[in-house]
């Protein structure tokens, strides 16, 4: 079922935008929407992507998804930058990265594709992280659950991108099907009545 209320409009944000890009489904959709709107509407908006090197090895997957989306939209004008941050607990990585981006760049806003947790308590992680928007960090998918995010790929005809996304929070290769990220994605496909695709 397609959520007809799903809305994303890049023009709601300033003219110099950064995206936290992991190579997962959320950040892939966010990059596709931003870049395609900029190109199709001929907008004067700068867009850069930042990938954080984490324990689940996102960089090669981020590069793969980035290249696929660039091929899909017909442009590679949006740079992908690897961001090295000090060793820090996972829950602090985004805050540390956002501070670094804010201090060292001219970007006016940082978009983070984090989505709403499922209502199903058996899916939710044991520790619920609480994230809030700031003037700099914006979360355009904060009210959408994973099933709504996944369905947008099908609505846009870009579902092939999902095959190259990497969402597992534990493994650097493949998927464990036990971590929150894997279970959430399985839940989303089941809710949509689609064959489960856990990506790379």
N, C-alpha and C. Protein backbone atom coordinates (compact mmCIF):
# COMPACT_ATOMS: atom_id res chain seq x y z
N UNK A 1 0.85 -1.19 0.00
CA UNK A 1 0.00 0.00 0.00
C UNK A 1 0.88 1.24 0.00
N UNK A 2 0.65 2.15 -0.91
CA UNK A 2 1.42 3.38 -1.01
C UNK A 2 0.81 4.44 -0.10
N UNK A 3 1.66 5.07 0.69
CA UNK A 3 1.20 6.16 1.53
C UNK A 3 1.17 7.43 0.68
N UNK A 4 -0.01 7.90 0.34
CA UNK A 4 -0.13 9.07 -0.53
C UNK A 4 0.27 10.35 0.18
N UNK A 5 0.45 10.29 1.50
CA UNK A 5 0.83 11.46 2.25
C UNK A 5 2.34 11.64 2.34
N UNK A 6 3.10 10.72 1.74
CA UNK A 6 4.55 10.86 1.78
C UNK A 6 4.95 12.09 0.98
N UNK A 7 5.66 12.99 1.65
CA UNK A 7 6.06 14.24 1.00
C UNK A 7 7.52 14.52 1.29
N UNK A 8 8.26 14.88 0.26
CA UNK A 8 9.60 15.41 0.44
C UNK A 8 9.81 16.50 -0.60
N UNK A 9 10.25 17.66 -0.13
CA UNK A 9 10.46 18.81 -1.02
C UNK A 9 11.78 19.47 -0.67
N UNK A 10 12.77 19.34 -1.54
CA UNK A 10 14.10 19.87 -1.29
C UNK A 10 14.08 21.40 -1.15
N UNK A 11 13.09 22.05 -1.74
CA UNK A 11 13.04 23.52 -1.69
C UNK A 11 12.68 24.04 -0.30
N UNK A 12 12.28 23.15 0.61
CA UNK A 12 12.01 23.56 1.98
C UNK A 12 13.30 23.82 2.76
N UNK A 13 14.43 23.44 2.17
CA UNK A 13 15.72 23.54 2.86
C UNK A 13 16.58 24.63 2.21
N UNK A 14 17.65 25.04 2.89
CA UNK A 14 18.53 26.08 2.33
C UNK A 14 19.23 25.64 1.05
N UNK A 15 20.11 26.51 0.55
CA UNK A 15 20.73 26.31 -0.77
C UNK A 15 22.01 25.48 -0.73
N UNK A 16 22.49 25.13 0.45
CA UNK A 16 23.70 24.32 0.56
C UNK A 16 23.42 23.19 1.54
N UNK A 17 23.19 21.99 1.02
CA UNK A 17 22.66 20.87 1.79
C UNK A 17 23.66 19.72 1.82
N UNK A 18 23.80 19.10 3.00
CA UNK A 18 24.59 17.88 3.14
C UNK A 18 23.67 16.75 3.56
N UNK A 19 24.05 15.52 3.18
CA UNK A 19 23.29 14.32 3.57
C UNK A 19 24.23 13.35 4.26
N UNK A 20 23.78 12.77 5.38
CA UNK A 20 24.49 11.64 5.96
C UNK A 20 24.10 10.42 5.13
N UNK A 21 25.07 9.80 4.50
CA UNK A 21 24.80 8.74 3.52
C UNK A 21 25.50 7.46 3.95
N UNK A 22 24.70 6.42 4.24
CA UNK A 22 25.26 5.16 4.74
C UNK A 22 25.23 4.04 3.70
N UNK A 23 24.47 4.23 2.64
CA UNK A 23 24.26 3.14 1.69
C UNK A 23 23.09 2.26 2.06
N UNK A 24 22.34 2.65 3.11
CA UNK A 24 21.12 1.94 3.48
C UNK A 24 19.93 2.50 2.72
N UNK A 25 18.76 1.92 2.95
CA UNK A 25 17.56 2.30 2.20
C UNK A 25 17.16 3.75 2.45
N UNK A 26 17.23 4.19 3.70
CA UNK A 26 16.77 5.54 4.04
C UNK A 26 17.62 6.61 3.35
N UNK A 27 18.94 6.49 3.49
CA UNK A 27 19.81 7.52 2.90
C UNK A 27 19.81 7.43 1.38
N UNK A 28 19.62 6.22 0.84
CA UNK A 28 19.54 6.07 -0.62
C UNK A 28 18.31 6.80 -1.16
N UNK A 29 17.18 6.63 -0.51
CA UNK A 29 15.97 7.33 -0.95
C UNK A 29 16.13 8.84 -0.80
N UNK A 30 16.74 9.26 0.28
CA UNK A 30 16.94 10.69 0.51
C UNK A 30 17.82 11.30 -0.58
N UNK A 31 18.91 10.62 -0.91
CA UNK A 31 19.79 11.13 -1.97
C UNK A 31 19.07 11.16 -3.31
N UNK A 32 18.33 10.10 -3.63
CA UNK A 32 17.62 10.07 -4.90
C UNK A 32 16.62 11.23 -4.99
N UNK A 33 15.84 11.44 -3.95
CA UNK A 33 14.83 12.50 -3.98
C UNK A 33 15.48 13.87 -4.10
N UNK A 34 16.53 14.11 -3.31
CA UNK A 34 17.20 15.41 -3.37
C UNK A 34 17.80 15.67 -4.75
N UNK A 35 18.57 14.72 -5.22
CA UNK A 35 19.29 14.92 -6.48
C UNK A 35 18.35 15.01 -7.68
N UNK A 36 17.33 14.16 -7.72
CA UNK A 36 16.41 14.19 -8.86
C UNK A 36 15.59 15.47 -8.87
N UNK A 37 15.20 15.97 -7.70
CA UNK A 37 14.46 17.24 -7.66
C UNK A 37 15.34 18.41 -8.07
N UNK A 38 16.59 18.41 -7.63
CA UNK A 38 17.52 19.47 -8.01
C UNK A 38 17.69 19.51 -9.53
N UNK A 39 17.87 18.33 -10.12
CA UNK A 39 18.09 18.25 -11.57
C UNK A 39 16.82 18.53 -12.36
N UNK A 40 15.73 17.91 -11.97
CA UNK A 40 14.49 18.04 -12.75
C UNK A 40 13.90 19.45 -12.67
N UNK A 41 14.10 20.11 -11.54
CA UNK A 41 13.56 21.45 -11.36
C UNK A 41 14.60 22.54 -11.62
N UNK A 42 15.81 22.08 -11.99
CA UNK A 42 16.91 23.02 -12.29
C UNK A 42 17.13 24.00 -11.14
N UNK A 43 17.26 23.45 -9.94
CA UNK A 43 17.38 24.26 -8.74
C UNK A 43 18.84 24.62 -8.47
N UNK A 44 19.05 25.79 -7.95
CA UNK A 44 20.38 26.25 -7.58
C UNK A 44 20.66 25.85 -6.13
N UNK A 45 20.79 24.54 -5.91
CA UNK A 45 21.05 24.00 -4.58
C UNK A 45 22.29 23.11 -4.65
N UNK A 46 23.24 23.37 -3.78
CA UNK A 46 24.42 22.52 -3.68
C UNK A 46 24.09 21.33 -2.79
N UNK A 47 24.59 20.16 -3.19
CA UNK A 47 24.30 18.95 -2.43
C UNK A 47 25.58 18.11 -2.31
N UNK A 48 25.93 17.75 -1.08
CA UNK A 48 27.08 16.89 -0.83
C UNK A 48 26.67 15.76 0.11
N UNK A 49 27.33 14.61 -0.03
CA UNK A 49 27.03 13.45 0.80
C UNK A 49 28.24 13.09 1.64
N UNK A 50 27.98 12.64 2.87
CA UNK A 50 29.05 12.24 3.78
C UNK A 50 28.77 10.84 4.31
N UNK A 51 29.75 9.96 4.18
CA UNK A 51 29.61 8.61 4.71
C UNK A 51 30.59 8.45 5.87
N UNK A 52 30.08 7.95 6.99
CA UNK A 52 30.88 7.72 8.19
C UNK A 52 31.36 6.28 8.19
N UNK A 53 32.65 6.08 8.40
CA UNK A 53 33.18 4.72 8.49
C UNK A 53 32.79 4.13 9.83
N UNK A 54 31.90 3.13 9.80
CA UNK A 54 31.37 2.54 11.02
C UNK A 54 31.76 1.06 11.10
N UNK A 55 31.36 0.43 12.21
CA UNK A 55 31.74 -0.97 12.46
C UNK A 55 31.13 -1.94 11.46
N UNK A 56 30.03 -1.57 10.81
CA UNK A 56 29.41 -2.47 9.84
C UNK A 56 29.87 -2.21 8.41
N UNK A 57 30.95 -1.45 8.27
CA UNK A 57 31.62 -1.28 6.97
C UNK A 57 30.77 -0.70 5.86
N UNK A 58 30.20 0.49 6.04
CA UNK A 58 29.27 1.02 5.03
C UNK A 58 29.92 1.59 3.77
N UNK A 59 31.20 1.90 3.81
CA UNK A 59 31.79 2.68 2.71
C UNK A 59 31.66 2.00 1.34
N UNK A 60 32.04 0.72 1.18
CA UNK A 60 31.89 0.12 -0.16
C UNK A 60 30.44 0.05 -0.63
N UNK A 61 29.51 -0.15 0.29
CA UNK A 61 28.09 -0.21 -0.08
C UNK A 61 27.59 1.19 -0.44
N UNK A 62 28.03 2.18 0.33
CA UNK A 62 27.64 3.55 0.03
C UNK A 62 28.12 3.95 -1.36
N UNK A 63 29.35 3.58 -1.69
CA UNK A 63 29.89 3.89 -3.01
C UNK A 63 29.08 3.21 -4.11
N UNK A 64 28.70 1.95 -3.88
CA UNK A 64 27.94 1.19 -4.87
C UNK A 64 26.56 1.82 -5.11
N UNK A 65 25.88 2.15 -4.03
CA UNK A 65 24.55 2.76 -4.14
C UNK A 65 24.65 4.15 -4.75
N UNK A 66 25.66 4.89 -4.34
CA UNK A 66 25.89 6.23 -4.89
C UNK A 66 26.06 6.17 -6.41
N UNK A 67 26.90 5.25 -6.88
CA UNK A 67 27.13 5.12 -8.33
C UNK A 67 25.85 4.71 -9.06
N UNK A 68 25.08 3.81 -8.46
CA UNK A 68 23.84 3.38 -9.10
C UNK A 68 22.84 4.53 -9.21
N UNK A 69 22.72 5.33 -8.15
CA UNK A 69 21.80 6.45 -8.20
C UNK A 69 22.28 7.50 -9.19
N UNK A 70 23.58 7.76 -9.23
CA UNK A 70 24.12 8.71 -10.21
C UNK A 70 23.82 8.25 -11.63
N UNK A 71 23.94 6.95 -11.89
CA UNK A 71 23.59 6.41 -13.21
C UNK A 71 22.10 6.59 -13.49
N UNK A 72 21.28 6.37 -12.46
CA UNK A 72 19.83 6.47 -12.62
C UNK A 72 19.39 7.89 -12.94
N UNK A 73 19.98 8.86 -12.25
CA UNK A 73 19.57 10.26 -12.46
C UNK A 73 20.34 10.91 -13.60
N UNK A 74 21.41 10.23 -14.06
CA UNK A 74 22.19 10.75 -15.19
C UNK A 74 23.14 11.87 -14.82
N UNK A 75 23.63 11.87 -13.59
CA UNK A 75 24.56 12.92 -13.16
C UNK A 75 25.37 12.44 -11.97
N UNK A 76 26.65 12.84 -11.94
CA UNK A 76 27.49 12.57 -10.78
C UNK A 76 28.04 13.87 -10.20
N UNK A 77 27.24 14.91 -10.30
CA UNK A 77 27.70 16.23 -9.87
C UNK A 77 27.65 16.43 -8.36
N UNK A 78 27.12 15.44 -7.64
CA UNK A 78 26.98 15.57 -6.19
C UNK A 78 28.07 14.75 -5.51
N UNK A 79 29.03 15.37 -4.85
CA UNK A 79 30.18 14.64 -4.31
C UNK A 79 29.84 13.77 -3.11
N UNK A 80 30.53 12.61 -3.05
CA UNK A 80 30.44 11.71 -1.90
C UNK A 80 31.76 11.78 -1.16
N UNK A 81 31.72 12.12 0.11
CA UNK A 81 32.91 12.37 0.91
C UNK A 81 32.95 11.42 2.09
N UNK A 82 34.09 10.75 2.28
CA UNK A 82 34.27 9.89 3.45
C UNK A 82 34.66 10.75 4.64
N UNK A 83 33.94 10.58 5.73
CA UNK A 83 34.16 11.40 6.91
C UNK A 83 34.81 10.57 8.00
N UNK A 84 36.02 10.93 8.38
CA UNK A 84 36.71 10.26 9.48
C UNK A 84 36.40 10.99 10.77
N UNK A 85 35.84 10.26 11.74
CA UNK A 85 35.55 10.87 13.03
C UNK A 85 36.26 10.09 14.12
N UNK A 86 36.50 10.70 15.28
CA UNK A 86 37.15 9.98 16.37
C UNK A 86 36.33 8.76 16.79
N UNK A 87 37.01 7.76 17.34
CA UNK A 87 36.31 6.57 17.82
C UNK A 87 35.33 6.99 18.91
N UNK A 88 34.08 6.59 18.74
CA UNK A 88 33.04 7.02 19.67
C UNK A 88 31.91 6.00 19.65
N UNK A 89 31.15 5.86 20.72
CA UNK A 89 30.00 4.94 20.70
C UNK A 89 29.06 5.25 19.55
N UNK A 90 28.41 4.21 19.02
CA UNK A 90 27.53 4.37 17.86
C UNK A 90 26.49 5.46 18.06
N UNK A 91 25.94 5.54 19.27
CA UNK A 91 24.87 6.50 19.53
C UNK A 91 25.35 7.94 19.41
N UNK A 92 26.67 8.15 19.52
CA UNK A 92 27.21 9.51 19.44
C UNK A 92 27.77 9.86 18.07
N UNK A 93 27.84 8.88 17.17
CA UNK A 93 28.53 9.10 15.91
C UNK A 93 27.90 10.21 15.07
N UNK A 94 26.60 10.24 15.01
CA UNK A 94 25.92 11.25 14.20
C UNK A 94 26.17 12.65 14.76
N UNK A 95 26.12 12.77 16.09
CA UNK A 95 26.34 14.08 16.69
C UNK A 95 27.77 14.56 16.47
N UNK A 96 28.74 13.63 16.61
CA UNK A 96 30.14 13.99 16.38
C UNK A 96 30.34 14.37 14.92
N UNK A 97 29.77 13.58 14.02
CA UNK A 97 29.90 13.85 12.58
C UNK A 97 29.25 15.18 12.21
N UNK A 98 28.07 15.43 12.77
CA UNK A 98 27.37 16.68 12.43
C UNK A 98 28.16 17.89 12.94
N UNK A 99 28.76 17.78 14.12
CA UNK A 99 29.59 18.87 14.64
C UNK A 99 30.77 19.14 13.72
N UNK A 100 31.38 18.04 13.25
CA UNK A 100 32.53 18.18 12.37
C UNK A 100 32.14 18.82 11.04
N UNK A 101 31.03 18.38 10.48
CA UNK A 101 30.56 18.94 9.21
C UNK A 101 30.21 20.42 9.37
N UNK A 102 29.54 20.74 10.46
CA UNK A 102 29.13 22.13 10.70
C UNK A 102 30.33 23.06 10.87
N UNK A 103 31.35 22.58 11.55
CA UNK A 103 32.52 23.41 11.82
C UNK A 103 33.42 23.57 10.61
N UNK A 104 33.49 22.54 9.77
CA UNK A 104 34.51 22.52 8.71
C UNK A 104 33.98 22.74 7.30
N UNK A 105 32.69 23.01 7.17
CA UNK A 105 32.11 23.19 5.83
C UNK A 105 31.20 24.41 5.83
N UNK A 106 30.69 24.72 4.66
CA UNK A 106 29.76 25.84 4.51
C UNK A 106 28.30 25.39 4.43
N UNK A 107 28.04 24.10 4.64
CA UNK A 107 26.68 23.60 4.52
C UNK A 107 25.76 24.27 5.54
N UNK A 108 24.58 24.59 5.09
CA UNK A 108 23.60 25.25 5.95
C UNK A 108 22.73 24.27 6.71
N UNK A 109 22.62 23.05 6.19
CA UNK A 109 21.76 22.06 6.83
C UNK A 109 22.29 20.67 6.52
N UNK A 110 22.10 19.76 7.47
CA UNK A 110 22.50 18.35 7.32
C UNK A 110 21.25 17.49 7.41
N UNK A 111 20.96 16.76 6.34
CA UNK A 111 19.78 15.88 6.32
C UNK A 111 20.17 14.48 6.73
N UNK A 112 19.38 13.90 7.62
CA UNK A 112 19.62 12.55 8.13
C UNK A 112 18.34 11.75 7.88
N UNK A 113 18.47 10.61 7.21
CA UNK A 113 17.30 9.84 6.79
C UNK A 113 16.71 8.91 7.83
N UNK A 114 17.01 9.10 9.08
CA UNK A 114 16.46 8.23 10.12
C UNK A 114 14.94 8.27 10.08
N UNK A 115 14.33 7.07 10.22
CA UNK A 115 12.87 6.99 10.14
C UNK A 115 12.27 6.64 11.50
N UNK A 116 10.95 6.68 11.56
CA UNK A 116 10.22 6.38 12.79
C UNK A 116 10.31 4.90 13.12
N UNK A 117 10.43 4.58 14.40
CA UNK A 117 10.44 3.18 14.82
C UNK A 117 9.07 2.54 14.57
N UNK A 118 9.04 1.21 14.30
CA UNK A 118 7.75 0.53 14.18
C UNK A 118 6.99 0.54 15.50
N UNK A 119 5.67 0.48 15.42
CA UNK A 119 4.86 0.38 16.64
C UNK A 119 5.02 -0.99 17.31
N UNK A 120 5.37 -2.00 16.52
CA UNK A 120 5.55 -3.36 17.01
C UNK A 120 6.74 -3.41 17.97
N UNK A 121 6.48 -3.62 19.24
CA UNK A 121 7.55 -3.60 20.25
C UNK A 121 8.52 -4.77 20.11
N UNK A 122 8.12 -5.83 19.41
CA UNK A 122 9.04 -6.96 19.21
C UNK A 122 10.11 -6.62 18.18
N UNK A 123 9.87 -5.60 17.39
CA UNK A 123 10.82 -5.17 16.37
C UNK A 123 11.79 -4.13 16.94
N UNK A 124 11.30 -3.31 17.82
CA UNK A 124 12.11 -2.20 18.32
C UNK A 124 13.37 -2.67 19.03
N UNK A 125 14.44 -1.87 18.96
CA UNK A 125 15.65 -2.24 19.69
C UNK A 125 15.42 -2.16 21.19
N UNK A 126 16.25 -2.88 21.96
CA UNK A 126 16.09 -2.88 23.41
C UNK A 126 16.31 -1.49 23.99
N UNK A 127 17.25 -0.77 23.42
CA UNK A 127 17.51 0.60 23.84
C UNK A 127 17.00 1.55 22.77
N UNK A 128 16.01 2.33 23.10
CA UNK A 128 15.44 3.27 22.15
C UNK A 128 16.24 4.56 22.18
N UNK A 129 16.84 4.89 21.06
CA UNK A 129 17.59 6.13 20.96
C UNK A 129 16.64 7.28 20.66
N UNK A 130 16.87 8.39 21.30
CA UNK A 130 16.03 9.56 21.09
C UNK A 130 16.85 10.64 20.38
N UNK A 131 16.41 11.03 19.21
CA UNK A 131 17.11 12.04 18.43
C UNK A 131 16.17 13.21 18.18
N UNK A 132 16.69 14.39 18.27
CA UNK A 132 15.88 15.58 18.02
C UNK A 132 16.52 16.43 16.94
N UNK A 133 15.67 17.10 16.18
CA UNK A 133 16.17 18.00 15.16
C UNK A 133 16.75 19.26 15.79
N UNK A 134 17.67 19.87 15.07
CA UNK A 134 18.21 21.17 15.46
C UNK A 134 18.09 22.08 14.25
N UNK A 135 18.59 23.30 14.37
CA UNK A 135 18.59 24.19 13.21
C UNK A 135 19.44 23.62 12.09
N UNK A 136 20.45 22.80 12.46
CA UNK A 136 21.37 22.25 11.47
C UNK A 136 20.98 20.84 11.03
N UNK A 137 20.65 19.96 11.97
CA UNK A 137 20.29 18.58 11.65
C UNK A 137 18.78 18.47 11.42
N UNK A 138 18.40 18.03 10.22
CA UNK A 138 16.99 17.85 9.90
C UNK A 138 16.72 16.38 9.57
N UNK A 139 15.54 15.91 9.93
CA UNK A 139 15.17 14.50 9.74
C UNK A 139 13.86 14.42 8.96
N UNK A 140 13.94 14.52 7.64
CA UNK A 140 12.70 14.59 6.84
C UNK A 140 11.85 13.33 6.86
N UNK A 141 12.42 12.18 7.30
CA UNK A 141 11.64 10.93 7.33
C UNK A 141 11.21 10.56 8.75
N UNK A 142 11.29 11.48 9.67
CA UNK A 142 11.09 11.15 11.08
C UNK A 142 9.67 10.64 11.41
N UNK A 143 8.71 10.93 10.55
CA UNK A 143 7.34 10.48 10.80
C UNK A 143 6.95 9.28 9.94
N UNK A 144 7.88 8.73 9.17
CA UNK A 144 7.60 7.61 8.28
C UNK A 144 8.28 6.34 8.77
N UNK A 145 7.52 5.25 8.85
CA UNK A 145 8.10 3.97 9.22
C UNK A 145 8.76 3.33 8.00
N UNK A 146 9.54 2.28 8.25
CA UNK A 146 10.36 1.68 7.20
C UNK A 146 9.53 1.17 6.02
N UNK A 147 8.33 0.67 6.27
CA UNK A 147 7.50 0.18 5.16
C UNK A 147 7.15 1.30 4.20
N UNK A 148 6.90 2.49 4.73
CA UNK A 148 6.59 3.63 3.87
C UNK A 148 7.81 4.03 3.06
N UNK A 149 8.99 3.98 3.69
CA UNK A 149 10.23 4.29 2.99
C UNK A 149 10.46 3.30 1.85
N UNK A 150 10.34 2.01 2.15
CA UNK A 150 10.57 0.97 1.14
C UNK A 150 9.60 1.13 -0.03
N UNK A 151 8.35 1.42 0.28
CA UNK A 151 7.34 1.49 -0.78
C UNK A 151 7.63 2.62 -1.75
N UNK A 152 8.31 3.67 -1.30
CA UNK A 152 8.61 4.77 -2.22
C UNK A 152 9.52 4.34 -3.37
N UNK A 153 10.41 3.38 -3.11
CA UNK A 153 11.27 2.87 -4.18
C UNK A 153 10.43 2.25 -5.29
N UNK A 154 9.40 1.51 -4.91
CA UNK A 154 8.51 0.89 -5.90
C UNK A 154 7.66 1.95 -6.60
N UNK A 155 7.19 2.92 -5.85
CA UNK A 155 6.37 3.98 -6.43
C UNK A 155 7.16 4.76 -7.48
N UNK A 156 8.45 4.96 -7.20
CA UNK A 156 9.31 5.73 -8.11
C UNK A 156 9.93 4.89 -9.21
N UNK A 157 9.76 3.56 -9.14
CA UNK A 157 10.33 2.67 -10.14
C UNK A 157 11.83 2.49 -10.00
N UNK A 158 12.36 2.64 -8.77
CA UNK A 158 13.80 2.50 -8.53
C UNK A 158 14.08 1.39 -7.53
N UNK A 159 13.20 0.39 -7.49
CA UNK A 159 13.36 -0.68 -6.50
C UNK A 159 14.64 -1.48 -6.67
N UNK A 160 15.24 -1.47 -7.86
CA UNK A 160 16.50 -2.18 -8.07
C UNK A 160 17.61 -1.64 -7.17
N UNK A 161 17.50 -0.40 -6.78
CA UNK A 161 18.50 0.19 -5.88
C UNK A 161 18.54 -0.55 -4.55
N UNK A 162 17.41 -1.05 -4.12
CA UNK A 162 17.33 -1.75 -2.83
C UNK A 162 18.25 -2.97 -2.78
N UNK A 163 18.52 -3.59 -3.92
CA UNK A 163 19.37 -4.79 -3.95
C UNK A 163 20.80 -4.46 -3.52
N UNK A 164 21.23 -3.23 -3.71
CA UNK A 164 22.60 -2.85 -3.38
C UNK A 164 22.73 -2.14 -2.04
N UNK A 165 21.62 -1.88 -1.37
CA UNK A 165 21.70 -1.22 -0.07
C UNK A 165 22.16 -2.20 0.99
N UNK A 166 22.78 -1.68 2.02
CA UNK A 166 23.28 -2.51 3.12
C UNK A 166 22.74 -1.94 4.42
N UNK A 167 21.87 -2.71 5.08
CA UNK A 167 21.22 -2.20 6.29
C UNK A 167 21.63 -2.92 7.57
N UNK A 168 22.28 -4.06 7.46
CA UNK A 168 22.61 -4.84 8.65
C UNK A 168 23.50 -4.02 9.58
N UNK A 169 23.12 -3.98 10.84
CA UNK A 169 23.87 -3.21 11.81
C UNK A 169 25.04 -3.94 12.43
N UNK A 170 25.16 -5.24 12.18
CA UNK A 170 26.21 -6.03 12.81
C UNK A 170 27.28 -6.49 11.83
N UNK A 171 26.88 -6.94 10.66
CA UNK A 171 27.83 -7.55 9.72
C UNK A 171 28.35 -6.55 8.70
N UNK A 172 29.59 -6.76 8.30
CA UNK A 172 30.17 -5.96 7.22
C UNK A 172 29.83 -6.56 5.86
N UNK A 173 29.44 -7.84 5.83
CA UNK A 173 29.01 -8.49 4.59
C UNK A 173 27.75 -9.28 4.87
N UNK A 174 26.81 -9.22 3.95
CA UNK A 174 25.58 -9.97 4.11
C UNK A 174 24.70 -9.38 5.20
N UNK A 175 23.81 -10.21 5.73
CA UNK A 175 22.86 -9.73 6.73
C UNK A 175 22.60 -10.82 7.76
N UNK A 176 22.51 -10.42 9.01
CA UNK A 176 22.37 -11.39 10.11
C UNK A 176 20.92 -11.79 10.34
N UNK A 177 19.98 -10.96 9.95
CA UNK A 177 18.54 -11.15 10.14
C UNK A 177 18.13 -11.10 11.60
N UNK A 178 19.05 -10.70 12.50
CA UNK A 178 18.76 -10.67 13.93
C UNK A 178 18.85 -9.27 14.54
N UNK A 179 19.67 -8.41 13.95
CA UNK A 179 19.82 -7.06 14.50
C UNK A 179 18.55 -6.25 14.24
N UNK A 180 18.42 -5.12 14.89
CA UNK A 180 17.23 -4.29 14.70
C UNK A 180 17.05 -3.89 13.25
N UNK A 181 18.15 -3.50 12.59
CA UNK A 181 18.05 -3.02 11.21
C UNK A 181 17.50 -4.09 10.29
N UNK A 182 17.98 -5.33 10.43
CA UNK A 182 17.48 -6.44 9.61
C UNK A 182 16.03 -6.75 9.94
N UNK A 183 15.71 -6.83 11.23
CA UNK A 183 14.34 -7.18 11.63
C UNK A 183 13.35 -6.10 11.20
N UNK A 184 13.78 -4.85 11.26
CA UNK A 184 12.90 -3.76 10.83
C UNK A 184 12.62 -3.86 9.34
N UNK A 185 13.65 -4.21 8.58
CA UNK A 185 13.47 -4.30 7.13
C UNK A 185 12.59 -5.49 6.76
N UNK A 186 12.77 -6.61 7.43
CA UNK A 186 11.91 -7.78 7.22
C UNK A 186 10.46 -7.42 7.56
N UNK A 187 10.28 -6.74 8.68
CA UNK A 187 8.94 -6.29 9.10
C UNK A 187 8.30 -5.41 8.03
N UNK A 188 9.09 -4.51 7.47
CA UNK A 188 8.56 -3.58 6.46
C UNK A 188 8.07 -4.32 5.22
N UNK A 189 8.87 -5.25 4.72
CA UNK A 189 8.47 -6.01 3.53
C UNK A 189 7.25 -6.87 3.81
N UNK A 190 7.21 -7.49 4.99
CA UNK A 190 6.06 -8.30 5.35
C UNK A 190 4.80 -7.46 5.44
N UNK A 191 4.93 -6.27 5.99
CA UNK A 191 3.77 -5.38 6.11
C UNK A 191 3.27 -4.96 4.74
N UNK A 192 4.19 -4.82 3.79
CA UNK A 192 3.81 -4.43 2.43
C UNK A 192 3.33 -5.61 1.59
N UNK A 193 3.55 -6.84 2.11
CA UNK A 193 3.19 -8.02 1.34
C UNK A 193 4.10 -8.26 0.17
N UNK A 194 5.35 -7.84 0.28
CA UNK A 194 6.34 -8.01 -0.79
C UNK A 194 7.41 -9.02 -0.36
N UNK A 195 8.06 -9.63 -1.34
CA UNK A 195 9.16 -10.53 -1.05
C UNK A 195 10.28 -9.74 -0.35
N UNK A 196 10.81 -10.33 0.72
CA UNK A 196 11.82 -9.65 1.51
C UNK A 196 13.12 -9.53 0.73
N UNK A 197 13.67 -8.33 0.73
CA UNK A 197 14.95 -8.04 0.08
C UNK A 197 15.82 -7.31 1.08
N UNK A 198 16.81 -8.02 1.64
CA UNK A 198 17.68 -7.42 2.64
C UNK A 198 18.91 -6.75 2.05
N UNK A 199 18.99 -6.71 0.73
CA UNK A 199 20.11 -6.03 0.08
C UNK A 199 21.41 -6.80 0.19
N UNK A 200 22.51 -6.05 0.15
CA UNK A 200 23.85 -6.67 0.17
C UNK A 200 24.21 -7.15 1.58
